């Protein structure tokens, strides 16, 4: 294990212990909010224990195997030696204490055994997998309830799956959570290991899943009771969206005033819409874009003709079913050269839009920006996106990738708002999640949960905390720019394509071990209410402008609300 990793884990442990003392000092008997705070600290400690156990196992086990073979030790003893060493240490004692406290805190906080992320009543045959990502491309021929030990939040849900149950805790607004709600798949986290163990023993058996007060009621049923209606296979039959091919309009770069549906995707068009309508206290970042068709135009330039021929050949192989060539397409795209006219047009648009042009800083900075642009284009061919589009019967030849270029706000906090509560479906409630630093730790597969709150639209000044943060790592950035995917395959009716493609920040974010014991959002009630209320108010205003529930991303910097994107909530 690397020295840096050990140092990070030790610092996490120290800061989580410090926060535990803070929470202990404000203990109130039978106080649900206190129990939520205490549970968040235990969740962070549990993450540290798990990470350190994996790291020590990785370091110790090769030596155990080497010595065990030399000494003719039985294989079973070799396989379990590292685990026994870990269990003999202090981490095992801490883990036992966490397991003892967790059910007590959940009871006080009225949390129950389940966190229901997508409340859908279904029936299916039980099967267990270690990681959901290993079966995301599989097609199940009968309605299936998957019990997945590990869910990162980035996966696709396999066709034929009607429910995903897991002990893992992806964010409620992560990609896989949104996908589950859109596809009418039951998705829930189970906090009772005994219950989960008993469910795994039902391998191959049929069960029904009912929802009662945001809890799951699971019972055995016979195979004959299991209806094979079209709703069971909604993940296969649900998608009827089509892609309209966009043509290149002769401009390599466009300013926000030029954003139209023929030039750029919904992400960019929504930025223009908001800039023209939101009140001045809601800030929208400066933006420009590389419009639809720019990639195809650049690829057709003489300087890239060899790469174009290679991409065409590889694409034929992929169309024939060889998905191993997807990576080769991405690699080929990264070798494309930029026409001088593209560089000049982009520089001009960024300068007139009051954005920092990387080429003014150095040629190396422009080179980094060009690599980032190509990574966004190449993400059209990442396996998850390709498989998702194929399942939806979307013609990949018609998919075009615009690139939205925005200034990066050096955020204190990042948030995602759903203006209709996605858990209850209540349109009178706003649900939001918030993390320290940039939003990538919220929408991507970073362990732990975000802070979440619910507020009624007629009472924005009274946000109710639903969960406290358990993410140990926050992402922070210096002033930079980000290149966002903005394809015509996102935000389609009946198809949640958002999150399938890459967005790339010019400067790598700093990973910081978080200290919640001094975080104003947790320790200063007045500050907490002020920030959360303004986030909710921004959500309500934007929903009113669009006339329908919205999925909104933004950040808080020095108390100011910045909205970086909005889309219809699915």
Protein backbone atom coordinates (compact mmCIF):
# COMPACT_ATOMS: atom_id res chain seq x y z
CA UNK A 1 0.00 0.00 0.00
CA UNK A 2 1.34 3.41 -0.94
CA UNK A 3 2.45 5.82 1.78
CA UNK A 4 0.09 8.53 0.47
CA UNK A 5 -2.91 6.18 0.67
CA UNK A 6 -2.02 5.26 4.26
CA UNK A 7 -1.71 8.95 5.17
CA UNK A 8 -5.10 9.75 3.60
CA UNK A 9 -6.81 6.91 5.46
CA UNK A 10 -5.19 7.91 8.76
CA UNK A 11 -6.30 11.52 8.28
CA UNK A 12 -9.82 10.36 7.46
CA UNK A 13 -9.88 8.31 10.64
CA UNK A 14 -8.67 11.25 12.75
CA UNK A 15 -11.17 13.71 11.26
CA UNK A 16 -14.08 11.27 11.54
CA UNK A 17 -13.16 10.61 15.18
CA UNK A 18 -13.03 14.39 15.74
CA UNK A 19 -16.50 14.73 14.22
CA UNK A 20 -17.76 11.86 16.41
CA UNK A 21 -16.72 13.83 19.50
CA UNK A 22 -18.54 16.89 18.11
CA UNK A 23 -21.73 14.92 17.57
CA UNK A 24 -21.44 13.23 20.97
CA UNK A 25 -21.29 16.60 22.72
CA UNK A 26 -24.70 17.61 21.34
CA UNK A 27 -26.41 14.30 22.11
CA UNK A 28 -30.14 14.46 22.73
CA UNK A 29 -32.09 11.32 23.72
CA UNK A 30 -34.53 10.09 21.05
CA UNK A 31 -33.61 12.99 18.73
CA UNK A 32 -34.01 11.85 15.10
CA UNK A 33 -31.80 14.63 13.71
CA UNK A 34 -29.02 13.80 16.15
CA UNK A 35 -29.28 10.12 15.18
CA UNK A 36 -28.95 11.06 11.48
CA UNK A 37 -25.77 13.04 12.23
CA UNK A 38 -24.30 10.22 14.33
CA UNK A 39 -25.10 7.66 11.66
CA UNK A 40 -23.33 9.76 8.99
CA UNK A 41 -20.16 9.73 11.12
CA UNK A 42 -20.40 5.96 11.55
CA UNK A 43 -20.91 5.55 7.81
CA UNK A 44 -17.70 7.50 7.16
CA UNK A 45 -15.81 5.40 9.71
CA UNK A 46 -17.19 2.27 8.04
CA UNK A 47 -15.83 3.46 4.69
CA UNK A 48 -12.39 3.97 6.23
CA UNK A 49 -12.44 0.51 7.83
CA UNK A 50 -13.47 -1.10 4.53
CA UNK A 51 -10.81 0.76 2.53
CA UNK A 52 -8.04 -0.04 5.00
CA UNK A 53 -9.07 -3.70 5.15
CA UNK A 54 -8.93 -4.00 1.35
CA UNK A 55 -5.59 -2.19 1.22
CA UNK A 56 -3.99 -4.38 3.90
CA UNK A 57 -5.39 -7.53 2.31
CA UNK A 58 -3.91 -6.50 -1.06
CA UNK A 59 -0.53 -5.90 0.59
CA UNK A 60 -0.40 -8.98 2.82
CA UNK A 61 -2.02 -11.73 0.77
CA UNK A 62 0.72 -12.12 -1.92
CA UNK A 63 3.33 -12.74 0.81
CA UNK A 64 0.99 -15.21 2.56
CA UNK A 65 0.48 -17.12 -0.69
CA UNK A 66 4.23 -17.23 -1.41
CA UNK A 67 5.16 -18.50 2.07
CA UNK A 68 2.16 -20.81 2.23
CA UNK A 69 3.17 -22.62 -0.94
CA UNK A 70 6.78 -23.00 0.28
CA UNK A 71 5.60 -24.43 3.61
CA UNK A 72 2.89 -26.65 2.06
CA UNK A 73 0.16 -24.92 4.07
CA UNK A 74 -3.40 -26.05 3.12
CA UNK A 75 -5.03 -23.81 0.50
CA UNK A 76 -7.98 -22.88 2.74
CA UNK A 77 -5.59 -21.60 5.41
CA UNK A 78 -3.67 -19.58 2.82
CA UNK A 79 -6.86 -18.06 1.41
CA UNK A 80 -8.08 -16.91 4.83
CA UNK A 81 -4.80 -15.90 6.51
CA UNK A 82 -4.88 -12.22 5.53
CA UNK A 83 -8.53 -11.97 6.58
CA UNK A 84 -7.72 -13.49 9.98
CA UNK A 85 -4.88 -11.01 10.50
CA UNK A 86 -7.23 -8.11 9.74
CA UNK A 87 -9.91 -9.49 12.06
CA UNK A 88 -7.33 -9.71 14.85
CA UNK A 89 -6.67 -5.96 14.68
CA UNK A 90 -8.41 -2.89 16.07
CA UNK A 91 -10.37 -2.39 12.84
CA UNK A 92 -12.43 -5.48 13.65
CA UNK A 93 -13.37 -4.05 17.05
CA UNK A 94 -14.38 -0.75 15.48
CA UNK A 95 -16.41 -2.60 12.84
CA UNK A 96 -18.24 -4.55 15.55
CA UNK A 97 -19.06 -1.34 17.40
CA UNK A 98 -20.36 0.27 14.20
CA UNK A 99 -22.56 -2.76 13.52
CA UNK A 100 -23.88 -2.58 17.08
CA UNK A 101 -24.71 1.14 16.91
CA UNK A 102 -26.12 1.26 13.37
CA UNK A 103 -29.49 -0.45 14.01
CA UNK A 104 -29.97 1.61 17.18
CA UNK A 105 -29.38 4.88 15.33
CA UNK A 106 -31.56 3.82 12.41
CA UNK A 107 -34.40 3.08 14.82
CA UNK A 108 -34.10 6.49 16.54
CA UNK A 109 -33.93 8.21 13.14
CA UNK A 110 -36.98 6.24 11.92
CA UNK A 111 -35.02 4.94 8.93
CA UNK A 112 -36.14 1.30 8.84
CA UNK A 113 -34.25 -1.48 7.08
CA UNK A 114 -34.52 -0.05 3.56
CA UNK A 115 -33.61 3.12 1.71
CA UNK A 116 -36.00 3.00 -1.22
CA UNK A 117 -34.47 4.91 -4.13
CA UNK A 118 -36.96 3.93 -6.83
CA UNK A 119 -40.31 2.85 -5.34
CA UNK A 120 -41.79 0.40 -7.87
CA UNK A 121 -43.81 -2.73 -7.09
CA UNK A 122 -42.54 -5.70 -9.12
CA UNK A 123 -42.10 -9.45 -9.19
CA UNK A 124 -39.17 -11.50 -10.43
CA UNK A 125 -36.72 -14.36 -9.95
CA UNK A 126 -33.87 -13.75 -7.49
CA UNK A 127 -30.24 -13.85 -8.60
CA UNK A 128 -27.10 -12.58 -6.82
CA UNK A 129 -24.05 -10.85 -8.29
CA UNK A 130 -20.98 -9.35 -6.69
CA UNK A 131 -20.85 -6.18 -8.83
CA UNK A 132 -23.72 -4.77 -10.89
CA UNK A 133 -21.28 -3.47 -13.50
CA UNK A 134 -20.25 -7.03 -14.44
CA UNK A 135 -23.76 -7.82 -15.73
CA UNK A 136 -24.84 -4.41 -17.05
CA UNK A 137 -24.70 -5.62 -20.67
CA UNK A 138 -26.51 -8.88 -20.02
CA UNK A 139 -30.08 -9.53 -21.21
CA UNK A 140 -32.19 -11.55 -18.74
CA UNK A 141 -34.85 -13.66 -20.46
CA UNK A 142 -37.20 -13.59 -17.48
CA UNK A 143 -38.06 -10.88 -14.93
CA UNK A 144 -35.11 -10.75 -12.55
CA UNK A 145 -34.48 -9.33 -9.08
CA UNK A 146 -30.74 -8.71 -8.75
CA UNK A 147 -29.05 -8.62 -5.37
CA UNK A 148 -25.80 -6.76 -6.04
CA UNK A 149 -23.14 -6.48 -3.35
CA UNK A 150 -21.51 -3.47 -5.02
CA UNK A 151 -23.22 -0.65 -6.93
CA UNK A 152 -21.11 2.40 -7.78
CA UNK A 153 -23.88 4.57 -9.22
CA UNK A 154 -22.44 4.67 -12.75
CA UNK A 155 -23.87 1.41 -14.12
CA UNK A 156 -26.57 0.61 -16.64
CA UNK A 157 -29.43 -1.56 -15.44
CA UNK A 158 -29.49 -4.82 -17.44
CA UNK A 159 -32.44 -5.58 -19.69
CA UNK A 160 -35.00 -7.84 -18.07
CA UNK A 161 -34.13 -6.66 -14.54
CA UNK A 162 -37.13 -5.45 -12.55
CA UNK A 163 -35.37 -4.73 -9.25
CA UNK A 164 -31.88 -4.07 -7.89
CA UNK A 165 -31.36 -4.59 -4.16
CA UNK A 166 -27.99 -3.79 -2.58
CA UNK A 167 -26.21 -3.16 0.73
CA UNK A 168 -24.28 -0.41 -1.08
CA UNK A 169 -25.35 3.24 -0.79
CA UNK A 170 -25.27 5.11 -4.12
CA UNK A 171 -26.58 8.65 -4.08
CA UNK A 172 -30.29 8.97 -4.75
CA UNK A 173 -29.45 11.32 -7.63
CA UNK A 174 -26.65 9.17 -9.10
CA UNK A 175 -26.87 7.95 -12.72
CA UNK A 176 -28.09 4.46 -11.85
CA UNK A 177 -30.71 5.83 -9.44
CA UNK A 178 -32.15 8.17 -12.06
CA UNK A 179 -32.01 5.36 -14.63
CA UNK A 180 -33.94 3.05 -12.28
CA UNK A 181 -36.73 5.58 -11.75
CA UNK A 182 -36.91 6.34 -15.47
CA UNK A 183 -37.11 2.64 -16.35
CA UNK A 184 -39.62 1.82 -13.58
CA UNK A 185 -37.17 -0.54 -11.89
CA UNK A 186 -37.35 -1.04 -8.13
CA UNK A 187 -34.04 0.07 -6.59
CA UNK A 188 -33.30 -0.02 -2.87
CA UNK A 189 -30.49 -0.22 -0.32
CA UNK A 190 -30.82 -2.80 2.47
CA UNK A 191 -29.19 -2.05 5.83
CA UNK A 192 -30.04 -5.38 7.47
CA UNK A 193 -27.34 -7.92 6.63
CA UNK A 194 -29.43 -10.83 7.97
CA UNK A 195 -32.34 -9.85 5.72
CA UNK A 196 -30.04 -9.57 2.73
CA UNK A 197 -28.43 -12.92 3.52
CA UNK A 198 -31.85 -14.59 3.62
CA UNK A 199 -32.79 -13.00 0.30
CA UNK A 200 -29.65 -14.44 -1.31
CA UNK A 201 -30.76 -17.91 -0.18
CA UNK A 202 -33.79 -17.49 -2.46
CA UNK A 203 -31.59 -17.79 -5.56
CA UNK A 204 -33.73 -18.81 -8.54
CA UNK A 205 -37.01 -18.43 -6.63
CA UNK A 206 -39.79 -16.00 -7.49
CA UNK A 207 -40.62 -13.11 -5.15
CA UNK A 208 -42.94 -10.12 -5.18
CA UNK A 209 -41.85 -6.70 -3.93
CA UNK A 210 -44.42 -4.30 -2.52
CA UNK A 211 -43.92 -0.78 -1.16
CA UNK A 212 -45.34 0.17 2.23
CA UNK A 213 -44.48 3.54 3.80
CA UNK A 214 -41.21 3.68 1.82
CA UNK A 215 -40.30 0.21 3.08
CA UNK A 216 -40.09 -3.02 1.08
CA UNK A 217 -42.32 -5.99 1.73
CA UNK A 218 -40.88 -9.06 0.02
CA UNK A 219 -42.71 -12.40 -0.10
CA UNK A 220 -42.28 -15.70 -1.90
CA UNK A 221 -44.62 -16.42 -4.80
CA UNK A 222 -44.94 -19.25 -7.27
CA UNK A 223 -43.62 -18.93 -10.78
CA UNK A 224 -47.19 -19.15 -12.07
CA UNK A 225 -48.13 -16.09 -10.03
CA UNK A 226 -45.47 -14.07 -11.76
CA UNK A 227 -47.13 -12.16 -14.56
CA UNK A 228 -45.12 -11.96 -17.77
CA UNK A 229 -46.85 -8.76 -18.79
CA UNK A 230 -45.16 -6.14 -20.91
CA UNK A 231 -44.42 -4.13 -17.76
CA UNK A 232 -42.07 -6.87 -16.60
CA UNK A 233 -39.92 -6.35 -19.63
CA UNK A 234 -40.32 -2.59 -19.69
CA UNK A 235 -36.52 -2.26 -19.75
CA UNK A 236 -36.54 -3.98 -23.17
CA UNK A 237 -39.68 -2.50 -24.69
CA UNK A 238 -39.95 0.92 -23.07
CA UNK A 239 -37.85 3.03 -25.44
CA UNK A 240 -39.27 4.49 -28.60
CA UNK A 241 -37.07 7.59 -28.88
CA UNK A 242 -35.46 8.48 -32.19
CA UNK A 243 -32.38 10.51 -33.02
CA UNK A 244 -32.56 13.28 -35.59
CA UNK A 245 -29.19 13.71 -37.28
CA UNK A 246 -27.80 17.24 -36.96
CA UNK A 247 -25.75 18.83 -39.74
CA UNK A 248 -22.64 21.00 -39.50
CA UNK A 249 -23.53 24.68 -39.94
CA UNK A 250 -20.08 25.88 -40.93
CA UNK A 251 -19.02 27.30 -37.55
CA UNK A 252 -16.43 25.62 -35.37
CA UNK A 253 -17.41 27.67 -32.29
CA UNK A 254 -20.51 29.58 -31.20
CA UNK A 255 -21.27 31.99 -28.35
CA UNK A 256 -24.20 31.54 -25.96
CA UNK A 257 -26.24 34.07 -27.96
CA UNK A 258 -25.97 31.73 -30.97
CA UNK A 259 -27.12 28.57 -29.17
CA UNK A 260 -30.06 26.95 -31.01
CA UNK A 261 -31.43 23.42 -31.12
CA UNK A 262 -29.88 22.94 -34.56
CA UNK A 263 -26.43 23.99 -33.33
CA UNK A 264 -26.15 22.51 -29.83
CA UNK A 265 -27.84 20.12 -27.41
CA UNK A 266 -30.37 20.74 -24.67
CA UNK A 267 -27.64 21.35 -22.09
CA UNK A 268 -26.38 24.41 -23.97
CA UNK A 269 -29.83 25.65 -24.99
CA UNK A 270 -30.94 25.56 -21.37
CA UNK A 271 -27.96 27.72 -20.40
CA UNK A 272 -29.07 30.38 -22.89
CA UNK A 273 -32.68 30.13 -21.67
CA UNK A 274 -31.66 30.59 -18.02
CA UNK A 275 -29.22 33.45 -18.69
CA UNK A 276 -32.05 35.45 -20.25
CA UNK A 277 -34.64 34.79 -17.51
CA UNK A 278 -33.36 34.01 -14.00
CA UNK A 279 -33.11 36.81 -11.41
CA UNK A 280 -29.69 38.41 -11.00
CA UNK A 281 -28.93 36.67 -7.70
CA UNK A 282 -28.79 33.32 -9.54
CA UNK A 283 -25.55 33.28 -11.54
CA UNK A 284 -25.04 31.35 -14.80
CA UNK A 285 -21.44 30.58 -15.88
CA UNK A 286 -19.99 32.10 -19.05
CA UNK A 287 -20.17 29.57 -21.87
CA UNK A 288 -19.33 28.87 -25.52
CA UNK A 289 -19.73 25.66 -27.53
CA UNK A 290 -18.37 23.55 -30.35
CA UNK A 291 -21.59 22.84 -32.27
CA UNK A 292 -23.00 19.66 -33.77
CA UNK A 293 -20.97 18.33 -36.67
CA UNK A 294 -17.68 19.89 -35.56
CA UNK A 295 -16.17 16.48 -34.82
CA UNK A 296 -17.20 15.09 -38.21
CA UNK A 297 -15.90 18.22 -39.99
CA UNK A 298 -12.52 18.00 -38.23
CA UNK A 299 -12.25 14.28 -38.92
CA UNK A 300 -12.84 14.92 -42.64
CA UNK A 301 -9.94 17.41 -42.87
CA UNK A 302 -6.93 16.22 -44.91
CA UNK A 303 -4.72 16.36 -41.82
CA UNK A 304 -6.88 13.61 -40.29
CA UNK A 305 -7.66 11.46 -43.35
CA UNK A 306 -5.67 8.44 -42.09
CA UNK A 307 -7.44 8.57 -38.74
CA UNK A 308 -10.81 8.91 -40.50
CA UNK A 309 -10.14 5.75 -42.49
CA UNK A 310 -9.20 3.90 -39.33
CA UNK A 311 -12.32 5.07 -37.46
CA UNK A 312 -14.56 4.01 -40.36
CA UNK A 313 -13.02 0.54 -40.40
CA UNK A 314 -13.28 0.10 -36.65
CA UNK A 315 -16.86 1.35 -36.67
CA UNK A 316 -17.80 -1.36 -39.17
CA UNK A 317 -16.37 -3.95 -36.78
CA UNK A 318 -18.36 -2.52 -33.87
CA UNK A 319 -21.54 -2.50 -35.96
CA UNK A 320 -20.87 -6.17 -36.63
CA UNK A 321 -20.88 -6.86 -32.89
CA UNK A 322 -17.19 -6.56 -31.94
CA UNK A 323 -17.42 -4.15 -28.98
CA UNK A 324 -13.71 -4.61 -28.22
CA UNK A 325 -13.05 -2.10 -31.04
CA UNK A 326 -14.79 0.71 -29.13
CA UNK A 327 -11.61 1.42 -27.19
CA UNK A 328 -9.59 1.52 -30.40
CA UNK A 329 -11.97 4.11 -31.85
CA UNK A 330 -11.50 6.27 -28.77
CA UNK A 331 -7.72 5.91 -29.03
CA UNK A 332 -7.77 6.88 -32.71
CA UNK A 333 -9.86 9.99 -32.00
CA UNK A 334 -7.32 11.13 -29.41
CA UNK A 335 -4.74 11.32 -32.23
CA UNK A 336 -6.74 13.84 -34.30
CA UNK A 337 -5.12 17.18 -35.11
CA UNK A 338 -6.92 20.51 -34.80
CA UNK A 339 -7.39 22.71 -37.89
CA UNK A 340 -5.97 26.20 -37.36
CA UNK A 341 -9.39 27.68 -38.19
CA UNK A 342 -10.98 25.80 -35.26
CA UNK A 343 -8.34 27.05 -32.85
CA UNK A 344 -8.74 30.66 -34.03
CA UNK A 345 -12.54 30.63 -33.97
CA UNK A 346 -12.65 29.09 -30.49
CA UNK A 347 -10.11 31.59 -29.16
CA UNK A 348 -12.15 34.50 -30.54
CA UNK A 349 -15.45 33.26 -29.10
CA UNK A 350 -13.98 32.57 -25.66
CA UNK A 351 -12.34 35.99 -25.44
CA UNK A 352 -15.51 37.86 -26.49
CA UNK A 353 -17.46 35.75 -23.97
CA UNK A 354 -15.11 36.91 -21.15
CA UNK A 355 -13.61 33.45 -20.77
CA UNK A 356 -9.95 32.59 -20.33
CA UNK A 357 -8.45 31.25 -23.58
CA UNK A 358 -5.96 28.47 -22.71
CA UNK A 359 -3.70 29.42 -25.61
CA UNK A 360 -3.02 32.83 -24.02
CA UNK A 361 -1.36 31.05 -21.11
CA UNK A 362 0.78 28.65 -23.13
CA UNK A 363 0.72 26.34 -26.12
CA UNK A 364 0.79 23.45 -23.66
CA UNK A 365 -2.47 24.68 -22.10
CA UNK A 366 -4.12 24.72 -25.53
CA UNK A 367 -2.83 21.20 -26.14
CA UNK A 368 -4.45 20.06 -22.87
CA UNK A 369 -7.72 21.73 -23.89
CA UNK A 370 -7.64 20.02 -27.29
CA UNK A 371 -7.09 16.65 -25.62
CA UNK A 372 -10.08 17.32 -23.34
CA UNK A 373 -12.29 18.21 -26.33
CA UNK A 374 -11.32 14.96 -28.06
CA UNK A 375 -12.07 12.96 -24.89
CA UNK A 376 -15.61 14.36 -24.91
CA UNK A 377 -16.05 13.48 -28.59
CA UNK A 378 -14.58 10.02 -28.03
CA UNK A 379 -17.02 9.30 -25.19
CA UNK A 380 -19.68 8.68 -27.86
CA UNK A 381 -17.95 5.30 -28.15
CA UNK A 382 -17.62 4.39 -24.49
CA UNK A 383 -19.12 0.95 -23.93
CA UNK A 384 -21.82 1.97 -21.47
CA UNK A 385 -23.18 4.68 -23.79
CA UNK A 386 -22.97 2.49 -26.88
CA UNK A 387 -24.79 -0.41 -25.21
CA UNK A 388 -27.43 1.91 -23.75
CA UNK A 389 -28.17 3.45 -27.16
CA UNK A 390 -28.28 0.02 -28.79
CA UNK A 391 -30.77 -1.22 -26.20
CA UNK A 392 -32.90 1.85 -26.91
CA UNK A 393 -32.75 1.13 -30.67
CA UNK A 394 -31.16 4.52 -31.25
CA UNK A 395 -29.18 4.85 -34.48
CA UNK A 396 -25.63 5.70 -33.42
CA UNK A 397 -24.87 7.05 -36.90
CA UNK A 398 -27.29 9.88 -36.13
CA UNK A 399 -25.73 10.78 -32.77
CA UNK A 400 -23.84 14.09 -32.83
CA UNK A 401 -21.72 15.47 -29.99
CA UNK A 402 -21.60 19.18 -29.30
CA UNK A 403 -19.20 20.35 -26.58
CA UNK A 404 -20.36 22.95 -24.06
CA UNK A 405 -17.38 24.87 -22.67
CA UNK A 406 -17.96 26.62 -19.33
CA UNK A 407 -15.92 28.42 -16.73
CA UNK A 408 -15.47 26.37 -13.56
CA UNK A 409 -16.71 27.98 -10.36
CA UNK A 410 -14.33 27.10 -7.49
CA UNK A 411 -17.20 25.79 -5.40
CA UNK A 412 -17.55 25.61 -1.64
CA UNK A 413 -20.48 23.24 -2.19
CA UNK A 414 -22.18 21.58 -5.15
CA UNK A 415 -25.82 20.56 -5.34
CA UNK A 416 -28.38 18.70 -7.42
CA UNK A 417 -32.07 19.61 -7.14
CA UNK A 418 -35.10 17.59 -8.17
CA UNK A 419 -38.11 19.91 -8.01
CA UNK A 420 -40.46 16.93 -7.66
CA UNK A 421 -39.54 14.62 -4.78
CA UNK A 422 -38.20 11.52 -6.63
CA UNK A 423 -38.77 9.26 -3.62
CA UNK A 424 -42.42 10.02 -2.99
CA UNK A 425 -43.44 11.57 -6.31
CA UNK A 426 -44.82 14.55 -4.40
CA UNK A 427 -44.80 17.59 -6.73
CA UNK A 428 -45.23 19.96 -3.78
CA UNK A 429 -41.81 18.98 -2.39
CA UNK A 430 -38.28 19.78 -3.54
CA UNK A 431 -35.56 17.20 -2.91
CA UNK A 432 -31.89 18.17 -3.12
CA UNK A 433 -28.45 16.73 -2.36
CA UNK A 434 -25.35 18.75 -1.55
CA UNK A 435 -21.65 17.94 -1.15
CA UNK A 436 -18.52 19.88 -0.26
CA UNK A 437 -16.48 20.92 -3.29
CA UNK A 438 -17.32 20.11 -6.91
CA UNK A 439 -20.33 18.09 -8.00
CA UNK A 440 -18.36 15.23 -9.53
CA UNK A 441 -18.24 13.53 -6.12
CA UNK A 442 -22.05 13.67 -6.08
CA UNK A 443 -23.00 12.52 -9.59
CA UNK A 444 -20.18 9.97 -10.02
CA UNK A 445 -19.08 6.90 -8.16
CA UNK A 446 -17.49 8.40 -5.04
CA UNK A 447 -18.22 6.36 -1.90
CA UNK A 448 -20.57 7.66 0.74
CA UNK A 449 -23.79 9.65 0.69
CA UNK A 450 -24.41 13.33 0.13
CA UNK A 451 -26.23 15.59 2.55
CA UNK A 452 -29.87 15.67 1.46
CA UNK A 453 -32.89 17.75 2.37
CA UNK A 454 -36.56 18.11 1.53
CA UNK A 455 -38.57 21.33 1.59
CA UNK A 456 -42.13 22.15 0.66
CA UNK A 457 -42.57 24.72 -2.08
CA UNK A 458 -44.93 26.75 0.11
CA UNK A 459 -42.43 26.74 2.99
CA UNK A 460 -38.94 27.16 1.51
CA UNK A 461 -37.51 28.61 4.72
CA UNK A 462 -37.96 25.32 6.55
CA UNK A 463 -35.72 22.68 4.90
CA UNK A 464 -35.78 19.28 6.60
CA UNK A 465 -32.52 17.31 6.61
CA UNK A 466 -33.08 13.77 5.29
CA UNK A 467 -29.45 12.61 5.57
CA UNK A 468 -26.10 14.01 6.65
CA UNK A 469 -22.94 13.60 4.54
CA UNK A 470 -20.85 10.44 4.67
CA UNK A 471 -18.43 11.16 1.81
CA UNK A 472 -14.85 11.30 3.08
CA UNK A 473 -13.38 12.87 -0.06
CA UNK A 474 -14.23 16.23 -1.65
CA UNK A 475 -13.05 17.55 -5.02
CA UNK A 476 -11.79 21.12 -5.30
CA UNK A 477 -10.54 23.12 -8.29
CA UNK A 478 -8.58 26.24 -9.07
CA UNK A 479 -10.11 28.59 -11.70
CA UNK A 480 -10.44 26.49 -14.84
CA UNK A 481 -12.77 25.52 -17.66
CA UNK A 482 -14.78 22.36 -18.24
CA UNK A 483 -15.75 20.66 -21.49
CA UNK A 484 -19.23 19.13 -21.18
CA UNK A 485 -20.76 16.53 -23.46
CA UNK A 486 -23.91 17.89 -25.11
CA UNK A 487 -25.16 15.30 -27.57
CA UNK A 488 -28.49 15.04 -29.34
CA UNK A 489 -28.90 11.70 -27.53
CA UNK A 490 -29.53 13.26 -24.11
CA UNK A 491 -32.80 14.38 -22.52
CA UNK A 492 -34.92 12.56 -25.10
CA UNK A 493 -38.55 11.79 -24.33
CA UNK A 494 -38.64 8.45 -22.52
CA UNK A 495 -34.87 7.99 -22.51
CA UNK A 496 -32.48 9.28 -19.85
CA UNK A 497 -29.28 9.68 -21.82
CA UNK A 498 -27.75 12.20 -19.42
CA UNK A 499 -24.62 10.96 -17.70
CA UNK A 500 -23.68 8.48 -20.43
CA UNK A 501 -21.02 10.69 -21.98
CA UNK A 502 -17.94 12.33 -20.52
CA UNK A 503 -17.33 15.84 -19.32
CA UNK A 504 -13.68 16.78 -18.81
CA UNK A 505 -12.21 19.52 -16.64
CA UNK A 506 -9.05 21.18 -17.96
CA UNK A 507 -7.22 21.01 -14.63
CA UNK A 508 -7.37 17.90 -12.50
CA UNK A 509 -9.30 18.41 -9.28
CA UNK A 510 -7.60 18.15 -5.90
CA UNK A 511 -8.90 15.33 -3.71
CA UNK A 512 -9.25 16.60 -0.16
CA UNK A 513 -10.01 14.62 3.00
CA UNK A 514 -13.06 16.38 4.43
CA UNK A 515 -13.35 17.77 7.95
CA UNK A 516 -17.05 17.98 8.80
CA UNK A 517 -16.40 18.97 12.43
CA UNK A 518 -15.76 22.59 11.31
CA UNK A 519 -18.15 22.71 8.35
CA UNK A 520 -20.56 25.65 8.68
CA UNK A 521 -23.24 23.74 6.81
CA UNK A 522 -23.34 21.25 9.69
CA UNK A 523 -22.48 23.33 12.75
CA UNK A 524 -24.10 26.71 11.95
CA UNK A 525 -27.88 26.26 11.84
CA UNK A 526 -28.60 29.77 10.54
CA UNK A 527 -26.08 29.36 7.71
CA UNK A 528 -27.48 25.92 6.91
CA UNK A 529 -31.06 27.19 6.63
CA UNK A 530 -29.96 30.20 4.55
CA UNK A 531 -27.99 28.13 2.00
CA UNK A 532 -30.51 25.30 1.69
CA UNK A 533 -33.45 27.70 1.40
CA UNK A 534 -31.79 29.62 -1.43
CA UNK A 535 -30.96 26.41 -3.26
CA UNK A 536 -34.62 25.38 -2.97
CA UNK A 537 -35.81 28.83 -4.06
CA UNK A 538 -33.60 28.68 -7.15
CA UNK A 539 -35.11 25.28 -7.95
CA UNK A 540 -38.66 26.59 -7.60
CA UNK A 541 -37.92 29.62 -9.81
CA UNK A 542 -36.40 27.48 -12.56
CA UNK A 543 -39.27 24.99 -12.43
CA UNK A 544 -41.71 27.87 -12.82
CA UNK A 545 -39.80 29.19 -15.84
CA UNK A 546 -39.97 25.81 -17.58
CA UNK A 547 -43.44 24.84 -16.38
CA UNK A 548 -42.44 21.29 -15.40
CA UNK A 549 -40.27 19.52 -12.77
CA UNK A 550 -36.54 20.10 -13.25
CA UNK A 551 -33.25 18.29 -12.54
CA UNK A 552 -30.82 21.12 -11.73
CA UNK A 553 -27.08 21.14 -11.02
CA UNK A 554 -25.24 24.02 -9.43
CA UNK A 555 -22.71 25.22 -6.90
CA UNK A 556 -22.43 27.60 -3.96
CA UNK A 557 -19.45 29.95 -3.83
CA UNK A 558 -19.15 32.50 -1.01
CA UNK A 559 -22.87 32.15 -0.40
CA UNK A 560 -23.79 32.88 -4.05
CA UNK A 561 -25.88 30.36 -6.04
CA UNK A 562 -24.55 29.38 -9.49
CA UNK A 563 -26.64 27.11 -11.72
CA UNK A 564 -24.54 25.18 -14.26
CA UNK A 565 -27.23 23.13 -15.96
CA UNK A 566 -30.93 22.19 -15.91
CA UNK A 567 -32.98 19.54 -17.66
CA UNK A 568 -36.50 18.10 -17.36
CA UNK A 569 -36.75 15.74 -14.41
CA UNK A 570 -37.45 12.16 -15.51
